[in-house]
Structure formats: C-alpha cells, structure tokens
Amino acid sequence: MKNPSRILFLARWYPDRYDPMMGLFIKRHAEVSVSFANVAVLYLRAAPDKSFGFEIEQMVENKVVTTYVYYGTKSPLPRFIAQQIAGVMFVIALSKGYRFILDSWGKPDIIHVNVLTRLGLFALWLRKFQGIKYVITEHWSRYLPITGTYKGLFRRFFTKIVVRNAEAVSTVSENLAKAMQSHGLYNQQYMVLPNVVDTDSYIPAIESNMGIKKRFIHISCFEDRSKNISGLLHAISKLDKLRNDFECIMVGEGIDLEEMKFLAAELGLKEPQVKFTGLLENERVIEAYRSADFMVMFSNYENMPVVISESLSCGLPVVATSVGGIPEYINDQKGRLVPPGDEAVLLEAINFMLDHSAEYDKQKIRKDAVDIFGIQAVAGKMKELYSYVKY
C-alpha cells in the first residue's frame, strides 16, 4: 500500500489555550506522522468563558496543521437544557471546522479518530457519504471494569457500529484492547500503538543523584480517584517514621492538588520530604526526571501513562501498581509492581528502591524504552496502522 498523503486527526483531547497538557500524547502521535504524510488536526473545545458563538483558530506547529474550534457553553439555563444546547453547538462546531479544513488544507485520505464516540460517528458519516475510510486510536480508561463509566444504551450501540466499521483499531495497551472487546467492540484488526516519547530529549542523567538523600518522583494530573495520590502520601508518612534520607517530588496540577497539599500537611509531611512543584513543562520536567533515582505511581486504574514511558526513557526504574497496561512494560529489571490500594506493599517497595535503585541497569532500561516508545519505533507502528486502509 502507498503511504497516505493526507491524514486528518479528529481529537477528543488536545492541548489548547485552557489546558496545555490535555491530550499531549495525541499531539505527539500527530507529530510522528508528519515523517511520512501531511497531517492536520481538528479539535473542538467547549469554551466555559464564552456564552455562544464560535471561534476558529488555525496554526502550524512542527509541520502539523491544527484547527481549533472554540464554541461557547456558558449558559444561565437549567443544566439539562444547557447540555442539550452544548450538544448542538458541538455538532455545528464540527461542521464548521471540517469545512474550514477542506477549504484551507484539502480533503483527507484517512481519518484518524482519537477517542470515541462522537467523533467516530462523524468519521462513520464521512465514510458512508464521502468514501473516506478511518482508523481509531483509543486512550480512554472508561472501558476498564473498575471505572464503571462505559454505560448508556445509545453510547454502547453506536460505539459498536463505529468500531466495527473502522479499518483498524489501536490502543495504548493490550489490556485496553481486551477491555474494549469484552464490551462487544469487535474489529478484525486490533493492534497496540504505544505512546511516543522524544527519546532524544528524555535521556538519563550523566551521573546518578549524588546527594545524601535519595529522591523519587511522582508526576500526574492530580486526580485522586484514579491516581490515588492520597494512598501514596499515607505510605510516605509511614516511611517518614522509618527513615528520613529521602525526598519525594510531586509534579503536576489538577482538581485535587490543593486537597493533596492539605493532606500532606495533616500527615506532617513537609519539605524536603515531600515537595509539590506544580506543573512543569519541557526542560523543567525533563530535569525533574533526571534528578530522581526512581519514579512512583500508585494508581487505582490506568491504561499506560506517558509518565512511565518518559521515566523509562530517562533510565529510571519504576514502582507502579499492577493495573491496566503497566505490567506489559514493567518487570523486575525495570522496577517493581505492587497491588492497587495496598499501602503496606507500596511502602515496602519504596523502602527497597531507596536502597537498591542504583543497582538497576539504566542503559538497558533506556534502550528498551527507545525500542518501544521512540519516534522511529512508533512511526513504524503508525505506518502499520494506516496500512490496513486499502485504497
């Protein structure tokens, strides 16, 4: 099959003016695809500070032509009515954005849907009436049994149709693919498409942390229901009673950040034992990785978080829960797995890693990460995904 000349990403999540981190992994996939195709992205964003109307903004970044359509959702009406209006605004925004892309960029050869279901219905419509075939990449953990969020008769019905009519479906882990299939979301071609890491930037430190204190890092969106940051803090508070030769760097921001800061203070955790940095980006977050001895995630549920891929690229061993796709990438040579919610086992694992993190082969950890998450490796996987589209 020839390489497609034009690929249009329809993205449910994408970095925007309100949240520069939302869907960053989708943006990275789009940037990988420019090595063999022309790539455009259409992203629709509800604007909570706008009442009505639409704003279209187009920019080119790293050769990806990105069209943002911001549509107003602020309304004094009752919530149910406001939700219906927001749904109509979404459809209008989608129509406006697609027409804008046709006029400014041209007709795509392939539609790449990122995160179902509404955008998948539009891709299905394009396939039926314009003959444009589509593939799907799913990132959402809602299909996992523990979340209980994949529900609704109409959603389940239409999602099955969308998945069945795609040329191929990719997920960030085998675990997520199996979870989707358990809901009857069948397709002839399922494949794993890992998140991509710029392994030329995320590299190990030249020297290991030479400080008296060992340092471990946690990076997340600070949403406690899934990330279980409170459980991590409770484990650290018990660790603090055993030893004081460590520092935990908590990186990120989110809806539960202030609550987690309060909990840390309530548990008697303060700098340097626990330090909240807020959001770090670009070189600052890379330096945070490079300054650490290992990384810790204590999630209740996950797919395969990008922060683990980035940690491995920096040669860091990882302590993480055995959930989602994490066990597909973490083994005894790359860190330790713990049961979700088990603070005692987490405490034991962190305590062990404080004394033994230097014994892990950082270069081997990094090499494996490059082979799986590196730009060239993921580009090959993306070409494989598009190869299922027959012209």
Protein backbone atom coordinates (compact mmCIF):
# COMPACT_ATOMS: atom_id res chain seq x y z
CA MET A 1 0.00 0.00 0.00
CA LYS A 2 1.18 3.54 -0.70
CA ASN A 3 1.60 5.90 2.19
CA PRO A 4 -1.42 8.20 2.66
CA SER A 5 -0.69 11.75 1.56
CA ARG A 6 -3.20 13.41 3.92
CA ILE A 7 -4.22 12.24 7.38
CA LEU A 8 -6.79 14.14 9.43
CA PHE A 9 -6.74 13.56 13.17
CA LEU A 10 -10.09 14.04 14.90
CA ALA A 11 -9.07 14.52 18.52
CA ARG A 12 -11.33 14.33 21.56
CA TRP A 13 -8.43 15.65 23.69
CA TYR A 14 -5.67 18.01 22.59
CA PRO A 15 -3.53 20.77 24.16
CA ASP A 16 -5.29 24.13 23.96
CA ARG A 17 -5.40 27.60 25.49
CA TYR A 18 -7.22 26.32 28.58
CA ASP A 19 -5.11 23.22 29.23
CA PRO A 20 -1.65 22.83 27.62
CA MET A 21 -1.34 19.21 28.81
CA MET A 22 -4.69 17.76 27.72
CA GLY A 23 -4.16 15.04 25.12
CA LEU A 24 -0.47 15.81 24.67
CA PHE A 25 0.06 12.17 23.71
CA ILE A 26 -2.29 12.61 20.73
CA LYS A 27 -0.33 15.65 19.60
CA ARG A 28 2.86 13.61 19.74
CA HIS A 29 1.32 10.88 17.57
CA ALA A 30 0.33 13.52 15.02
CA GLU A 31 3.87 14.93 15.00
CA VAL A 32 5.29 11.46 14.38
CA SER A 33 3.04 11.00 11.34
CA VAL A 34 4.47 14.05 9.54
CA SER A 35 7.55 11.96 8.74
CA PHE A 36 5.56 10.17 6.03
CA ALA A 37 2.36 12.19 5.40
CA ASN A 38 0.72 15.59 5.50
CA VAL A 39 -1.10 15.80 8.83
CA ALA A 40 -3.90 18.01 10.07
CA VAL A 41 -5.77 18.00 13.38
CA LEU A 42 -9.32 19.12 14.09
CA TYR A 43 -10.05 19.79 17.75
CA LEU A 44 -13.31 21.12 19.15
CA ARG A 45 -13.15 22.79 22.56
CA ALA A 46 -16.05 23.91 24.71
CA ALA A 47 -15.15 27.39 25.95
CA PRO A 48 -16.52 27.79 29.50
CA ASP A 49 -15.93 31.56 29.45
CA LYS A 50 -17.99 32.15 26.28
CA SER A 51 -21.78 32.19 26.12
CA PHE A 52 -22.43 31.47 22.46
CA GLY A 53 -20.66 31.71 19.15
CA PHE A 54 -17.66 30.09 17.52
CA GLU A 55 -14.01 30.97 17.15
CA ILE A 56 -11.79 29.18 14.62
CA GLU A 57 -8.04 29.32 15.05
CA GLN A 58 -5.53 27.55 12.83
CA MET A 59 -1.81 27.19 13.42
CA VAL A 60 1.10 25.12 12.13
CA GLU A 61 3.38 23.60 14.74
CA ASN A 62 6.06 21.02 13.95
CA LYS A 63 4.50 20.71 10.47
CA VAL A 64 1.09 19.70 11.89
CA VAL A 65 -1.76 21.93 10.68
CA THR A 66 -4.04 22.26 13.72
CA THR A 67 -7.52 23.78 13.56
CA TYR A 68 -9.15 24.70 16.86
CA VAL A 69 -12.86 25.46 17.02
CA TYR A 70 -13.85 27.02 20.33
CA TYR A 71 -17.59 27.11 21.00
CA GLY A 72 -19.41 28.80 23.85
CA THR A 73 -21.14 26.72 26.54
CA LYS A 74 -21.70 29.28 29.28
CA SER A 75 -25.45 29.48 29.95
CA PRO A 76 -27.83 30.59 32.74
CA LEU A 77 -30.33 27.92 31.67
CA PRO A 78 -31.01 24.75 33.70
CA ARG A 79 -28.26 22.16 33.42
CA PHE A 80 -30.23 19.67 31.31
CA ILE A 81 -31.19 22.31 28.74
CA ALA A 82 -27.66 23.73 28.73
CA GLN A 83 -26.29 20.25 27.99
CA GLN A 84 -28.62 19.85 25.01
CA ILE A 85 -27.57 23.24 23.66
CA ALA A 86 -23.91 22.30 24.15
CA GLY A 87 -24.51 19.14 22.12
CA VAL A 88 -25.96 21.16 19.26
CA MET A 89 -23.08 23.61 19.46
CA PHE A 90 -20.63 20.70 19.23
CA VAL A 91 -22.25 19.44 16.01
CA ILE A 92 -22.21 22.92 14.46
CA ALA A 93 -18.58 23.41 15.53
CA LEU A 94 -17.65 20.07 13.95
CA SER A 95 -19.31 21.03 10.68
CA LYS A 96 -17.66 24.47 10.63
CA GLY A 97 -14.25 23.05 11.49
CA TYR A 98 -14.36 20.34 8.83
CA ARG A 99 -15.47 22.79 6.12
CA PHE A 100 -12.65 25.13 7.17
CA ILE A 101 -10.13 22.28 6.80
CA LEU A 102 -11.48 21.35 3.36
CA ASP A 103 -11.08 24.96 2.20
CA SER A 104 -7.67 25.59 3.78
CA TRP A 105 -5.96 22.19 3.67
CA GLY A 106 -7.89 19.87 1.39
CA LYS A 107 -9.73 16.57 1.54
CA PRO A 108 -8.09 13.88 3.71
CA ASP A 109 -7.21 10.39 2.54
CA ILE A 110 -7.66 8.88 6.01
CA ILE A 111 -9.50 9.97 9.13
CA HIS A 112 -7.72 9.06 12.37
CA VAL A 113 -10.22 9.15 15.25
CA ASN A 114 -8.66 9.67 18.65
CA VAL A 115 -11.05 8.76 21.48
CA LEU A 116 -14.63 7.67 20.85
CA THR A 117 -17.61 8.02 20.45
CA ARG A 118 -18.95 11.27 18.97
CA LEU A 119 -16.05 11.86 16.61
CA GLY A 120 -16.31 8.25 15.50
CA LEU A 121 -19.89 8.85 14.38
CA PHE A 122 -18.68 11.74 12.23
CA ALA A 123 -15.96 9.52 10.74
CA LEU A 124 -18.61 6.89 10.00
CA TRP A 125 -20.70 9.53 8.23
CA LEU A 126 -17.66 10.61 6.16
CA ARG A 127 -17.01 7.01 5.19
CA LYS A 128 -20.58 6.47 4.03
CA PHE A 129 -21.10 9.74 2.15
CA GLN A 130 -17.59 10.82 1.10
CA GLY A 131 -15.81 7.47 0.89
CA ILE A 132 -13.09 8.42 3.39
CA LYS A 133 -12.03 5.43 5.48
CA TYR A 134 -11.00 5.74 9.09
CA VAL A 135 -8.91 4.16 11.84
CA ILE A 136 -9.30 4.54 15.60
CA THR A 137 -6.86 5.04 18.44
CA GLU A 138 -8.45 4.72 21.87
CA HIS A 139 -6.83 6.09 25.01
CA TRP A 140 -9.76 6.26 27.43
CA SER A 141 -9.79 4.02 30.50
CA ARG A 142 -13.60 4.07 30.72
CA TYR A 143 -13.79 0.54 29.26
CA LEU A 144 -11.95 -0.90 32.26
CA PRO A 145 -14.37 -2.67 34.67
CA ILE A 146 -13.19 -0.69 37.70
CA THR A 147 -14.26 2.68 36.27
CA GLY A 148 -17.88 1.78 35.61
CA THR A 149 -18.18 4.72 33.20
CA TYR A 150 -18.79 2.92 29.92
CA LYS A 151 -22.57 2.87 30.02
CA GLY A 152 -25.63 4.19 28.28
CA LEU A 153 -27.70 2.23 25.78
CA PHE A 154 -27.18 4.62 22.86
CA ARG A 155 -23.46 5.09 23.50
CA ARG A 156 -22.83 1.35 23.61
CA PHE A 157 -24.94 0.72 20.50
CA PHE A 158 -23.29 3.39 18.35
CA THR A 159 -19.78 2.64 19.62
CA LYS A 160 -20.15 -0.96 18.42
CA ILE A 161 -21.11 0.27 14.95
CA VAL A 162 -18.25 2.77 14.80
CA VAL A 163 -15.64 0.21 15.90
CA ARG A 164 -16.95 -2.47 13.55
CA ASN A 165 -16.71 -0.19 10.51
CA ALA A 166 -13.18 1.09 11.20
CA GLU A 167 -10.34 -0.28 9.08
CA ALA A 168 -8.34 -0.91 12.26
CA VAL A 169 -8.38 -0.10 15.98
CA SER A 170 -5.29 0.68 18.03
CA THR A 171 -4.94 1.03 21.78
CA VAL A 172 -2.07 2.06 24.01
CA SER A 173 -2.01 -1.35 25.70
CA GLU A 174 -3.16 -4.91 25.10
CA ASN A 175 -5.14 -4.65 28.32
CA LEU A 176 -7.26 -1.82 26.95
CA ALA A 177 -7.90 -3.74 23.71
CA LYS A 178 -9.16 -6.71 25.70
CA ALA A 179 -11.35 -4.43 27.82
CA MET A 180 -12.94 -2.97 24.69
CA GLN A 181 -13.54 -6.41 23.22
CA SER A 182 -15.17 -7.54 26.46
CA HIS A 183 -17.87 -4.95 25.74
CA GLY A 184 -18.51 -6.42 22.29
CA LEU A 185 -16.44 -3.82 20.44
CA TYR A 186 -15.20 -6.10 17.69
CA ASN A 187 -12.91 -5.34 14.78
CA GLN A 188 -10.79 -7.60 12.57
CA GLN A 189 -7.64 -5.56 13.22
CA TYR A 190 -6.72 -4.61 16.77
CA MET A 191 -3.14 -3.54 17.45
CA VAL A 192 -1.12 -1.83 20.17
CA LEU A 193 0.15 1.67 19.35
CA PRO A 194 2.40 2.87 22.20
CA ASN A 195 2.57 6.47 23.29
CA VAL A 196 5.60 8.19 21.84
CA VAL A 197 8.47 9.76 23.78
CA ASP A 198 11.09 12.14 22.41
CA THR A 199 13.91 9.87 23.50
CA ASP A 200 16.49 12.36 22.21
CA SER A 201 15.35 14.76 24.96
CA TYR A 202 14.32 12.36 27.71
CA ILE A 203 17.73 10.91 28.49
CA PRO A 204 19.42 9.64 31.66
CA ALA A 205 21.49 11.99 33.79
CA ILE A 206 25.22 11.72 33.22
CA GLU A 207 25.68 10.97 36.90
CA SER A 208 23.23 9.44 39.35
CA ASN A 209 21.84 11.56 42.16
CA MET A 210 24.92 12.17 44.32
CA GLY A 211 23.04 13.74 47.22
CA ILE A 212 22.87 12.29 50.70
CA LYS A 213 19.15 11.84 50.24
CA LYS A 214 17.58 9.57 47.67
CA ARG A 215 14.91 11.18 45.50
CA PHE A 216 11.84 9.70 43.88
CA ILE A 217 9.33 11.46 41.69
CA HIS A 218 5.60 11.28 41.11
CA ILE A 219 4.03 13.02 38.10
CA SER A 220 0.30 13.07 37.43
CA CYS A 221 -2.79 15.14 36.73
CA PHE A 222 -3.63 15.14 40.47
CA GLU A 223 -6.98 13.44 40.17
CA ASP A 224 -7.09 11.28 43.28
CA ARG A 225 -9.83 8.84 42.25
CA SER A 226 -7.64 7.26 39.60
CA LYS A 227 -4.11 8.25 40.66
CA ASN A 228 -4.56 7.50 44.40
CA ILE A 229 -2.15 10.23 45.45
CA SER A 230 -3.69 10.14 48.92
CA GLY A 231 -2.66 6.50 49.27
CA LEU A 232 0.87 7.39 48.18
CA LEU A 233 1.02 10.18 50.77
CA HIS A 234 -0.15 7.82 53.52
CA ALA A 235 2.61 5.37 52.56
CA ILE A 236 5.19 8.18 52.60
CA SER A 237 4.05 9.29 56.04
CA LYS A 238 4.78 5.77 57.34
CA LEU A 239 8.11 5.75 55.51
CA ASP A 240 8.98 9.05 57.20
CA LYS A 241 8.76 7.28 60.54
CA LEU A 242 11.25 4.64 59.37
CA ARG A 243 13.87 6.87 57.73
CA ASN A 244 14.49 10.45 56.70
CA ASP A 245 17.06 10.03 53.93
CA PHE A 246 14.63 10.63 51.05
CA GLU A 247 12.82 13.31 49.08
CA CYS A 248 9.60 12.89 47.12
CA ILE A 249 8.97 15.37 44.32
CA MET A 250 5.27 15.67 43.41
CA VAL A 251 4.90 17.20 39.94
CA GLY A 252 1.66 18.32 38.30
CA GLU A 253 -1.59 20.11 38.89
CA GLY A 254 -5.25 19.17 38.81
CA ILE A 255 -8.58 19.20 40.59
CA ASP A 256 -7.26 17.57 43.79
CA LEU A 257 -3.92 19.35 44.11
CA GLU A 258 -4.92 21.62 46.99
CA GLU A 259 -6.61 18.74 48.81
CA MET A 260 -3.43 16.66 48.48
CA LYS A 261 -1.33 19.54 49.82
CA PHE A 262 -3.68 19.78 52.81
CA LEU A 263 -3.46 16.02 53.38
CA ALA A 264 0.34 16.13 53.26
CA ALA A 265 0.37 18.88 55.90
CA GLU A 266 -2.13 16.94 58.01
CA LEU A 267 0.18 13.91 57.87
CA GLY A 268 3.13 16.03 58.93
CA LEU A 269 4.86 15.81 55.56
CA LYS A 270 6.77 18.91 54.54
CA GLU A 271 9.81 19.87 52.52
CA PRO A 272 12.24 18.32 51.86
CA GLN A 273 10.45 15.00 52.46
CA VAL A 274 7.59 16.00 50.13
CA LYS A 275 7.70 18.89 47.69
CA PHE A 276 4.86 19.98 45.40
CA THR A 277 6.25 21.73 42.32
CA GLY A 278 3.07 22.37 40.36
CA LEU A 279 3.06 21.89 36.60
CA LEU A 280 6.48 21.55 34.97
CA GLU A 281 6.91 21.56 31.20
CA ASN A 282 9.61 20.96 28.60
CA GLU A 283 13.15 21.21 30.00
CA ARG A 284 11.95 21.68 33.57
CA VAL A 285 10.09 18.38 33.69
CA ILE A 286 12.98 16.58 31.97
CA GLU A 287 15.36 17.91 34.61
CA ALA A 288 12.96 16.70 37.32
CA TYR A 289 13.16 13.19 35.91
CA ARG A 290 16.93 13.36 35.58
CA SER A 291 17.34 14.49 39.19
CA ALA A 292 15.44 11.46 40.53
CA ASP A 293 16.56 7.95 41.41
CA PHE A 294 13.24 6.29 40.58
CA MET A 295 9.60 7.04 39.83
CA VAL A 296 6.43 6.05 41.73
CA MET A 297 2.80 5.69 40.56
CA PHE A 298 0.10 4.25 42.87
CA SER A 299 -2.89 4.39 40.52
CA ASN A 300 -6.14 2.58 41.18
CA TYR A 301 -6.57 2.18 37.41
CA GLU A 302 -4.62 3.18 34.30
CA ASN A 303 -4.00 2.39 30.67
CA MET A 304 -0.31 3.08 30.16
CA PRO A 305 0.58 6.56 31.45
CA VAL A 306 3.06 8.54 29.38
CA VAL A 307 4.97 9.49 32.52
CA ILE A 308 6.07 5.86 32.92
CA SER A 309 7.32 5.80 29.32
CA GLU A 310 9.23 9.04 29.93
CA SER A 311 10.71 7.68 33.16
CA LEU A 312 11.96 4.55 31.41
CA SER A 313 13.46 6.67 28.64
CA CYS A 314 15.42 8.53 31.33
CA GLY A 315 16.63 5.18 32.65
CA LEU A 316 14.60 5.37 35.86
CA PRO A 317 13.25 2.20 37.46
CA VAL A 318 9.55 2.47 38.26
CA VAL A 319 7.41 1.44 41.22
CA ALA A 320 3.82 1.19 39.98
CA THR A 321 0.59 -0.67 40.50
CA SER A 322 -0.15 -3.78 38.50
CA VAL A 323 -3.10 -2.28 36.63
CA GLY A 324 -4.04 -1.65 33.01
CA GLY A 325 -1.17 -1.90 30.58
CA ILE A 326 1.58 -1.21 33.12
CA PRO A 327 2.55 -4.89 33.63
CA GLU A 328 3.12 -5.12 29.86
CA TYR A 329 6.10 -2.78 30.25
CA ILE A 330 7.34 -3.06 33.86
CA ASN A 331 9.15 -6.16 35.09
CA ASP A 332 11.79 -6.99 37.71
CA GLN A 333 14.53 -5.49 35.52
CA LYS A 334 12.69 -2.16 35.28
CA GLY A 335 11.20 -1.74 38.73
CA ARG A 336 8.59 -3.26 41.00
CA LEU A 337 4.85 -3.84 40.66
CA VAL A 338 2.52 -3.56 43.65
CA PRO A 339 -1.18 -4.38 44.06
CA PRO A 340 -3.52 -1.37 43.70
CA GLY A 341 -4.56 0.12 47.02
CA ASP A 342 -2.06 -1.88 49.11
CA GLU A 343 -0.18 0.83 51.00
CA ALA A 344 1.86 -1.69 53.01
CA VAL A 345 3.32 -3.31 49.88
CA LEU A 346 3.91 0.13 48.35
CA LEU A 347 5.81 1.19 51.46
CA GLU A 348 7.94 -1.95 51.23
CA ALA A 349 8.66 -1.36 47.54
CA ILE A 350 9.69 2.29 48.02
CA ASN A 351 11.80 1.37 51.02
CA PHE A 352 13.54 -1.31 48.94
CA MET A 353 14.07 1.03 46.00
CA LEU A 354 15.66 3.71 48.19
CA ASP A 355 18.46 1.25 48.92
CA HIS A 356 18.68 -0.57 45.57
CA SER A 357 17.69 1.83 42.74
CA ALA A 358 21.35 2.29 41.75
CA GLU A 359 21.60 -1.45 41.05
CA TYR A 360 19.25 -1.24 38.06
CA ASP A 361 20.79 -1.10 34.60
CA LYS A 362 19.78 2.39 33.45
CA GLN A 363 21.15 1.95 29.95
CA LYS A 364 19.22 -1.29 29.45
CA ILE A 365 16.04 0.35 30.75
CA ARG A 366 16.56 3.22 28.33
CA LYS A 367 17.37 1.00 25.34
CA ASP A 368 14.15 -0.95 25.78
CA ALA A 369 12.23 2.32 26.06
CA VAL A 370 13.75 3.65 22.83
CA ASP A 371 12.87 0.40 21.05
CA ILE A 372 9.22 0.67 22.14
CA PHE A 373 8.40 4.37 22.66
CA GLY A 374 10.99 6.10 20.47
CA ILE A 375 9.92 8.18 17.50
CA GLN A 376 11.16 5.74 14.86
CA ALA A 377 9.56 2.77 16.61
CA VAL A 378 6.18 4.48 16.93
CA ALA A 379 6.35 5.80 13.36
CA GLY A 380 6.67 2.21 12.19
CA LYS A 381 3.61 1.26 14.25
CA MET A 382 1.62 4.16 12.82
CA LYS A 383 2.51 3.12 9.27
CA GLU A 384 1.29 -0.37 10.16
CA LEU A 385 -2.00 1.08 11.43
CA TYR A 386 -2.56 3.04 8.21
CA SER A 387 -1.57 0.04 6.08
CA TYR A 388 -4.92 -1.55 6.94
CA VAL A 389 -6.64 1.16 4.87
CA LYS A 390 -6.98 -0.14 1.32
CA TYR A 391 -7.40 2.39 -1.47
